[in-house]
Amino acid sequence: MTGDAKLIANDTQVGGDHYKRKAIQPWDFIAANGIGYFEGNIVKYISRWRDKNGLDDLLKARHYLDKLIEIENGKNS
């Protein structure tokens, strides 16, 4: 970057445009709501499943949810 040029992360997407087409990009929603790592990944995969990897993204979201449940159950043990 030189001079007054400023990179705006939301203007660029690596690997497609499935997030750029959203009214609110998932990472903006995640950051604005202070959502943690596991929850953030769940939001990410749920928001893109129809536009990117279909069932695979739903399974990824479930995997993160399963791990989050394990962590929360461990706190109560």
PDB file of N, CA and C in Angstrom:
ATOM      1  N   MET A   1       0.840  -1.182   0.000  1.00  0.00           N
ATOM      2  CA  MET A   1       0.000   0.000   0.000  1.00  0.00           C
ATOM      3  C   MET A   1       0.880   1.238   0.000  1.00  0.00           C
ATOM      4  N   THR A   2       0.471   2.182  -0.796  1.00  0.00           N
ATOM      5  CA  THR A   2       1.223   3.420  -0.838  1.00  0.00           C
ATOM      6  C   THR A   2       0.282   4.600  -0.669  1.00  0.00           C
ATOM      7  N   GLY A   3       0.812   5.702  -0.194  1.00  0.00           N
ATOM      8  CA  GLY A   3       0.033   6.929  -0.077  1.00  0.00           C
ATOM      9  C   GLY A   3      -1.241   6.749   0.710  1.00  0.00           C
ATOM     10  N   ASP A   4      -2.350   7.259   0.154  1.00  0.00           N
ATOM     11  CA  ASP A   4      -3.641   7.214   0.837  1.00  0.00           C
ATOM     12  C   ASP A   4      -4.434   5.948   0.529  1.00  0.00           C
ATOM     13  N   ALA A   5      -3.847   5.053  -0.282  1.00  0.00           N
ATOM     14  CA  ALA A   5      -4.553   3.808  -0.626  1.00  0.00           C
ATOM     15  C   ALA A   5      -4.768   2.986   0.629  1.00  0.00           C
ATOM     16  N   LYS A   6      -5.979   2.494   0.771  1.00  0.00           N
ATOM     17  CA  LYS A   6      -6.328   1.720   1.961  1.00  0.00           C
ATOM     18  C   LYS A   6      -7.052   0.453   1.519  1.00  0.00           C
ATOM     19  N   LEU A   7      -6.564  -0.682   1.970  1.00  0.00           N
ATOM     20  CA  LEU A   7      -7.191  -1.952   1.635  1.00  0.00           C
ATOM     21  C   LEU A   7      -8.402  -2.167   2.545  1.00  0.00           C
ATOM     22  N   ILE A   8      -9.533  -2.391   1.970  1.00  0.00           N
ATOM     23  CA  ILE A   8     -10.744  -2.701   2.713  1.00  0.00           C
ATOM     24  C   ILE A   8     -10.995  -4.197   2.545  1.00  0.00           C
ATOM     25  N   ALA A   9     -10.870  -4.950   3.620  1.00  0.00           N
ATOM     26  CA  ALA A   9     -10.957  -6.410   3.550  1.00  0.00           C
ATOM     27  C   ALA A   9     -12.274  -6.886   2.942  1.00  0.00           C
ATOM     28  N   ASN A  10     -13.360  -6.192   3.197  1.00  0.00           N
ATOM     29  CA  ASN A  10     -14.651  -6.630   2.661  1.00  0.00           C
ATOM     30  C   ASN A  10     -14.754  -6.490   1.146  1.00  0.00           C
ATOM     31  N   ASP A  11     -13.858  -5.714   0.536  1.00  0.00           N
ATOM     32  CA  ASP A  11     -13.885  -5.547  -0.909  1.00  0.00           C
ATOM     33  C   ASP A  11     -13.213  -6.708  -1.640  1.00  0.00           C
ATOM     34  N   THR A  12     -12.501  -7.549  -0.909  1.00  0.00           N
ATOM     35  CA  THR A  12     -11.757  -8.654  -1.499  1.00  0.00           C
ATOM     36  C   THR A  12     -12.192  -9.951  -0.831  1.00  0.00           C
ATOM     37  N   GLN A  13     -12.335 -10.991  -1.622  1.00  0.00           N
ATOM     38  CA  GLN A  13     -12.596 -12.306  -1.046  1.00  0.00           C
ATOM     39  C   GLN A  13     -11.763 -13.335  -1.786  1.00  0.00           C
ATOM     40  N   VAL A  14     -11.078 -14.149  -1.036  1.00  0.00           N
ATOM     41  CA  VAL A  14     -10.260 -15.217  -1.602  1.00  0.00           C
ATOM     42  C   VAL A  14     -11.141 -16.460  -1.723  1.00  0.00           C
ATOM     43  N   GLY A  15     -11.174 -17.070  -2.884  1.00  0.00           N
ATOM     44  CA  GLY A  15     -11.888 -18.329  -3.049  1.00  0.00           C
ATOM     45  C   GLY A  15     -13.360 -18.212  -3.366  1.00  0.00           C
ATOM     46  N   GLY A  16     -13.773 -17.186  -4.054  1.00  0.00           N
ATOM     47  CA  GLY A  16     -15.176 -17.075  -4.441  1.00  0.00           C
ATOM     48  C   GLY A  16     -15.758 -15.727  -4.095  1.00  0.00           C
ATOM     49  N   ASP A  17     -17.096 -15.649  -4.162  1.00  0.00           N
ATOM     50  CA  ASP A  17     -17.769 -14.403  -3.807  1.00  0.00           C
ATOM     51  C   ASP A  17     -18.999 -14.647  -2.943  1.00  0.00           C
ATOM     52  N   HIS A  18     -19.075 -15.841  -2.354  1.00  0.00           N
ATOM     53  CA  HIS A  18     -20.242 -16.246  -1.584  1.00  0.00           C
ATOM     54  C   HIS A  18     -20.482 -15.360  -0.362  1.00  0.00           C
ATOM     55  N   TYR A  19     -19.446 -14.769   0.226  1.00  0.00           N
ATOM     56  CA  TYR A  19     -19.643 -13.863   1.363  1.00  0.00           C
ATOM     57  C   TYR A  19     -19.955 -12.450   0.881  1.00  0.00           C
ATOM     58  N   LYS A  20     -19.312 -12.023  -0.184  1.00  0.00           N
ATOM     59  CA  LYS A  20     -19.519 -10.666  -0.696  1.00  0.00           C
ATOM     60  C   LYS A  20     -20.959 -10.448  -1.144  1.00  0.00           C
ATOM     61  N   ARG A  21     -21.663 -11.505  -1.498  1.00  0.00           N
ATOM     62  CA  ARG A  21     -23.052 -11.384  -1.952  1.00  0.00           C
ATOM     63  C   ARG A  21     -24.047 -11.263  -0.803  1.00  0.00           C
ATOM     64  N   LYS A  22     -23.589 -11.421   0.419  1.00  0.00           N
ATOM     65  CA  LYS A  22     -24.475 -11.350   1.585  1.00  0.00           C
ATOM     66  C   LYS A  22     -24.763  -9.894   1.950  1.00  0.00           C
ATOM     67  N   ALA A  23     -25.942  -9.641   2.496  1.00  0.00           N
ATOM     68  CA  ALA A  23     -26.284  -8.294   2.980  1.00  0.00           C
ATOM     69  C   ALA A  23     -25.336  -7.884   4.099  1.00  0.00           C
ATOM     70  N   ILE A  24     -24.984  -8.829   4.947  1.00  0.00           N
ATOM     71  CA  ILE A  24     -24.019  -8.626   6.026  1.00  0.00           C
ATOM     72  C   ILE A  24     -23.022  -9.772   5.935  1.00  0.00           C
ATOM     73  N   GLN A  25     -21.747  -9.453   5.793  1.00  0.00           N
ATOM     74  CA  GLN A  25     -20.756 -10.522   5.734  1.00  0.00           C
ATOM     75  C   GLN A  25     -20.646 -11.187   7.104  1.00  0.00           C
ATOM     76  N   PRO A  26     -20.535 -12.516   7.124  1.00  0.00           N
ATOM     77  CA  PRO A  26     -20.487 -13.233   8.391  1.00  0.00           C
ATOM     78  C   PRO A  26     -19.441 -12.693   9.369  1.00  0.00           C
ATOM     79  N   TRP A  27     -18.243 -12.329   8.875  1.00  0.00           N
ATOM     80  CA  TRP A  27     -17.231 -11.865   9.819  1.00  0.00           C
ATOM     81  C   TRP A  27     -17.603 -10.532  10.440  1.00  0.00           C
ATOM     82  N   ASP A  28     -18.371  -9.698   9.740  1.00  0.00           N
ATOM     83  CA  ASP A  28     -18.850  -8.451  10.338  1.00  0.00           C
ATOM     84  C   ASP A  28     -19.863  -8.747  11.441  1.00  0.00           C
ATOM     85  N   PHE A  29     -20.775  -9.692  11.188  1.00  0.00           N
ATOM     86  CA  PHE A  29     -21.749 -10.106  12.194  1.00  0.00           C
ATOM     87  C   PHE A  29     -21.042 -10.693  13.411  1.00  0.00           C
ATOM     88  N   ILE A  30     -20.070 -11.554  13.163  1.00  0.00           N
ATOM     89  CA  ILE A  30     -19.320 -12.214  14.239  1.00  0.00           C
ATOM     90  C   ILE A  30     -18.581 -11.174  15.078  1.00  0.00           C
ATOM     91  N   ALA A  31     -17.879 -10.257  14.424  1.00  0.00           N
ATOM     92  CA  ALA A  31     -17.116  -9.231  15.144  1.00  0.00           C
ATOM     93  C   ALA A  31     -18.034  -8.290  15.915  1.00  0.00           C
ATOM     94  N   ALA A  32     -19.125  -7.857  15.300  1.00  0.00           N
ATOM     95  CA  ALA A  32     -20.044  -6.910  15.938  1.00  0.00           C
ATOM     96  C   ALA A  32     -20.711  -7.488  17.174  1.00  0.00           C
ATOM     97  N   ASN A  33     -20.852  -8.807  17.196  1.00  0.00           N
ATOM     98  CA  ASN A  33     -21.535  -9.461  18.319  1.00  0.00           C
ATOM     99  C   ASN A  33     -20.580 -10.144  19.284  1.00  0.00           C
ATOM    100  N   GLY A  34     -19.282  -9.980  19.075  1.00  0.00           N
ATOM    101  CA  GLY A  34     -18.297 -10.572  19.981  1.00  0.00           C
ATOM    102  C   GLY A  34     -18.402 -12.083  20.076  1.00  0.00           C
ATOM    103  N   ILE A  35     -18.679 -12.724  18.957  1.00  0.00           N
ATOM    104  CA  ILE A  35     -18.877 -14.172  18.926  1.00  0.00           C
ATOM    105  C   ILE A  35     -17.517 -14.866  18.905  1.00  0.00           C
ATOM    106  N   GLY A  36     -17.389 -15.930  19.675  1.00  0.00           N
ATOM    107  CA  GLY A  36     -16.140 -16.671  19.793  1.00  0.00           C
ATOM    108  C   GLY A  36     -15.851 -17.564  18.595  1.00  0.00           C
ATOM    109  N   TYR A  37     -14.704 -18.237  18.677  1.00  0.00           N
ATOM    110  CA  TYR A  37     -14.179 -19.050  17.576  1.00  0.00           C
ATOM    111  C   TYR A  37     -15.152 -20.130  17.108  1.00  0.00           C
ATOM    112  N   PHE A  38     -15.619 -20.964  18.011  1.00  0.00           N
ATOM    113  CA  PHE A  38     -16.487 -22.076  17.615  1.00  0.00           C
ATOM    114  C   PHE A  38     -17.817 -21.559  17.077  1.00  0.00           C
ATOM    115  N   GLU A  39     -18.424 -20.611  17.790  1.00  0.00           N
ATOM    116  CA  GLU A  39     -19.685 -20.045  17.332  1.00  0.00           C
ATOM    117  C   GLU A  39     -19.513 -19.334  16.001  1.00  0.00           C
ATOM    118  N   GLY A  40     -18.391 -18.628  15.837  1.00  0.00           N
ATOM    119  CA  GLY A  40     -18.124 -17.910  14.597  1.00  0.00           C
ATOM    120  C   GLY A  40     -18.020 -18.835  13.406  1.00  0.00           C
ATOM    121  N   ASN A  41     -17.364 -19.964  13.586  1.00  0.00           N
ATOM    122  CA  ASN A  41     -17.268 -20.926  12.499  1.00  0.00           C
ATOM    123  C   ASN A  41     -18.630 -21.520  12.167  1.00  0.00           C
ATOM    124  N   ILE A  42     -19.452 -21.728  13.174  1.00  0.00           N
ATOM    125  CA  ILE A  42     -20.811 -22.227  12.931  1.00  0.00           C
ATOM    126  C   ILE A  42     -21.578 -21.221  12.082  1.00  0.00           C
ATOM    127  N   VAL A  43     -21.522 -19.938  12.454  1.00  0.00           N
ATOM    128  CA  VAL A  43     -22.188 -18.882  11.682  1.00  0.00           C
ATOM    129  C   VAL A  43     -21.666 -18.866  10.247  1.00  0.00           C
ATOM    130  N   LYS A  44     -20.344 -18.937  10.096  1.00  0.00           N
ATOM    131  CA  LYS A  44     -19.716 -18.905   8.771  1.00  0.00           C
ATOM    132  C   LYS A  44     -20.237 -20.040   7.882  1.00  0.00           C
ATOM    133  N   TYR A  45     -20.197 -21.264   8.395  1.00  0.00           N
ATOM    134  CA  TYR A  45     -20.611 -22.400   7.577  1.00  0.00           C
ATOM    135  C   TYR A  45     -22.110 -22.398   7.304  1.00  0.00           C
ATOM    136  N   ILE A  46     -22.908 -22.015   8.273  1.00  0.00           N
ATOM    137  CA  ILE A  46     -24.359 -21.965   8.073  1.00  0.00           C
ATOM    138  C   ILE A  46     -24.722 -20.899   7.046  1.00  0.00           C
ATOM    139  N   SER A  47     -24.010 -19.773   7.076  1.00  0.00           N
ATOM    140  CA  SER A  47     -24.357 -18.683   6.161  1.00  0.00           C
ATOM    141  C   SER A  47     -23.984 -18.982   4.715  1.00  0.00           C
ATOM    142  N   ARG A  48     -23.058 -19.891   4.474  1.00  0.00           N
ATOM    143  CA  ARG A  48     -22.582 -20.117   3.107  1.00  0.00           C
ATOM    144  C   ARG A  48     -22.993 -21.445   2.496  1.00  0.00           C
ATOM    145  N   TRP A  49     -23.626 -22.325   3.234  1.00  0.00           N
ATOM    146  CA  TRP A  49     -23.801 -23.692   2.766  1.00  0.00           C
ATOM    147  C   TRP A  49     -24.553 -23.780   1.436  1.00  0.00           C
ATOM    148  N   ARG A  50     -25.532 -22.927   1.211  1.00  0.00           N
ATOM    149  CA  ARG A  50     -26.290 -22.986  -0.053  1.00  0.00           C
ATOM    150  C   ARG A  50     -25.464 -22.487  -1.242  1.00  0.00           C
ATOM    151  N   ASP A  51     -24.492 -21.616  -0.972  1.00  0.00           N
ATOM    152  CA  ASP A  51     -23.732 -20.974  -2.043  1.00  0.00           C
ATOM    153  C   ASP A  51     -22.366 -21.591  -2.295  1.00  0.00           C
ATOM    154  N   LYS A  52     -21.895 -22.462  -1.408  1.00  0.00           N
ATOM    155  CA  LYS A  52     -20.536 -22.966  -1.591  1.00  0.00           C
ATOM    156  C   LYS A  52     -20.491 -24.489  -1.584  1.00  0.00           C
ATOM    157  N   ASN A  53     -20.494 -25.113  -0.427  1.00  0.00           N
ATOM    158  CA  ASN A  53     -20.227 -26.555  -0.346  1.00  0.00           C
ATOM    159  C   ASN A  53     -21.409 -27.410   0.082  1.00  0.00           C
ATOM    160  N   GLY A  54     -22.601 -26.852   0.097  1.00  0.00           N
ATOM    161  CA  GLY A  54     -23.794 -27.630   0.392  1.00  0.00           C
ATOM    162  C   GLY A  54     -23.709 -28.416   1.698  1.00  0.00           C
ATOM    163  N   LEU A  55     -24.052 -29.674   1.621  1.00  0.00           N
ATOM    164  CA  LEU A  55     -24.096 -30.544   2.791  1.00  0.00           C
ATOM    165  C   LEU A  55     -22.772 -30.564   3.556  1.00  0.00           C
ATOM    166  N   ASP A  56     -21.646 -30.498   2.859  1.00  0.00           N
ATOM    167  CA  ASP A  56     -20.346 -30.485   3.550  1.00  0.00           C
ATOM    168  C   ASP A  56     -20.249 -29.336   4.536  1.00  0.00           C
ATOM    169  N   ASP A  57     -20.751 -28.157   4.162  1.00  0.00           N
ATOM    170  CA  ASP A  57     -20.703 -27.027   5.089  1.00  0.00           C
ATOM    171  C   ASP A  57     -21.635 -27.235   6.276  1.00  0.00           C
ATOM    172  N   LEU A  58     -22.781 -27.865   6.057  1.00  0.00           N
ATOM    173  CA  LEU A  58     -23.668 -28.183   7.186  1.00  0.00           C
ATOM    174  C   LEU A  58     -22.993 -29.157   8.143  1.00  0.00           C
ATOM    175  N   LEU A  59     -22.291 -30.126   7.586  1.00  0.00           N
ATOM    176  CA  LEU A  59     -21.577 -31.090   8.431  1.00  0.00           C
ATOM    177  C   LEU A  59     -20.436 -30.417   9.197  1.00  0.00           C
ATOM    178  N   LYS A  60     -19.756 -29.473   8.558  1.00  0.00           N
ATOM    179  CA  LYS A  60     -18.702 -28.726   9.247  1.00  0.00           C
ATOM    180  C   LYS A  60     -19.295 -27.911  10.388  1.00  0.00           C
ATOM    181  N   ALA A  61     -20.426 -27.257  10.143  1.00  0.00           N
ATOM    182  CA  ALA A  61     -21.090 -26.480  11.195  1.00  0.00           C
ATOM    183  C   ALA A  61     -21.460 -27.390  12.364  1.00  0.00           C
ATOM    184  N   ARG A  62     -21.980 -28.564  12.058  1.00  0.00           N
ATOM    185  CA  ARG A  62     -22.353 -29.510  13.109  1.00  0.00           C
ATOM    186  C   ARG A  62     -21.134 -29.977  13.884  1.00  0.00           C
ATOM    187  N   HIS A  63     -20.010 -30.178  13.197  1.00  0.00           N
ATOM    188  CA  HIS A  63     -18.779 -30.597  13.854  1.00  0.00           C
ATOM    189  C   HIS A  63     -18.334 -29.553  14.884  1.00  0.00           C
ATOM    190  N   TYR A  64     -18.365 -28.275  14.487  1.00  0.00           N
ATOM    191  CA  TYR A  64     -18.028 -27.212  15.429  1.00  0.00           C
ATOM    192  C   TYR A  64     -19.036 -27.142  16.572  1.00  0.00           C
ATOM    193  N   LEU A  65     -20.305 -27.358  16.276  1.00  0.00           N
ATOM    194  CA  LEU A  65     -21.326 -27.356  17.319  1.00  0.00           C
ATOM    195  C   LEU A  65     -21.109 -28.515  18.285  1.00  0.00           C
ATOM    196  N   ASP A  66     -20.778 -29.695  17.757  1.00  0.00           N
ATOM    197  CA  ASP A  66     -20.485 -30.845  18.618  1.00  0.00           C
ATOM    198  C   ASP A  66     -19.325 -30.540  19.559  1.00  0.00           C
ATOM    199  N   LYS A  67     -18.283 -29.894  19.045  1.00  0.00           N
ATOM    200  CA  LYS A  67     -17.136 -29.552  19.884  1.00  0.00           C
ATOM    201  C   LYS A  67     -17.525 -28.525  20.936  1.00  0.00           C
ATOM    202  N   LEU A  68     -18.304 -27.529  20.564  1.00  0.00           N
ATOM    203  CA  LEU A  68     -18.755 -26.531  21.521  1.00  0.00           C
ATOM    204  C   LEU A  68     -19.586 -27.180  22.631  1.00  0.00           C
ATOM    205  N   ILE A  69     -20.441 -28.108  22.274  1.00  0.00           N
ATOM    206  CA  ILE A  69     -21.241 -28.845  23.264  1.00  0.00           C
ATOM    207  C   ILE A  69     -20.335 -29.638  24.196  1.00  0.00           C
ATOM    208  N   GLU A  70     -19.319 -30.301  23.644  1.00  0.00           N
ATOM    209  CA  GLU A  70     -18.354 -31.032  24.481  1.00  0.00           C
ATOM    210  C   GLU A  70     -17.683 -30.102  25.478  1.00  0.00           C
ATOM    211  N   ILE A  71     -17.252 -28.947  25.010  1.00  0.00           N
ATOM    212  CA  ILE A  71     -16.588 -27.987  25.890  1.00  0.00           C
ATOM    213  C   ILE A  71     -17.528 -27.535  27.006  1.00  0.00           C
ATOM    214  N   GLU A  72     -18.752 -27.190  26.631  1.00  0.00           N
ATOM    215  CA  GLU A  72     -19.721 -26.722  27.629  1.00  0.00           C
ATOM    216  C   GLU A  72     -20.098 -27.820  28.606  1.00  0.00           C
ATOM    217  N   ASN A  73     -20.235 -29.055  28.118  1.00  0.00           N
ATOM    218  CA  ASN A  73     -20.521 -30.179  29.018  1.00  0.00           C
ATOM    219  C   ASN A  73     -19.365 -30.416  29.978  1.00  0.00           C
ATOM    220  N   GLY A  74     -18.129 -30.230  29.490  1.00  0.00           N
ATOM    221  CA  GLY A  74     -16.950 -30.400  30.340  1.00  0.00           C
ATOM    222  C   GLY A  74     -16.893 -29.394  31.463  1.00  0.00           C
ATOM    223  N   LYS A  75     -17.426 -28.209  31.242  1.00  0.00           N
ATOM    224  CA  LYS A  75     -17.470 -27.170  32.290  1.00  0.00           C
ATOM    225  C   LYS A  75     -18.398 -27.553  33.420  1.00  0.00           C
ATOM    226  N   ASN A  76     -19.392 -28.367  33.093  1.00  0.00           N
ATOM    227  CA  ASN A  76     -20.407 -28.748  34.085  1.00  0.00           C
ATOM    228  C   ASN A  76     -20.094 -30.072  34.762  1.00  0.00           C
ATOM    229  N   SER A  77     -18.966 -30.661  34.420  1.00  0.00           N
ATOM    230  CA  SER A  77     -18.618 -31.982  34.995  1.00  0.00           C
ATOM    231  C   SER A  77     -17.857 -31.838  36.291  1.00  0.00           C
TER     232      SER A  77
END
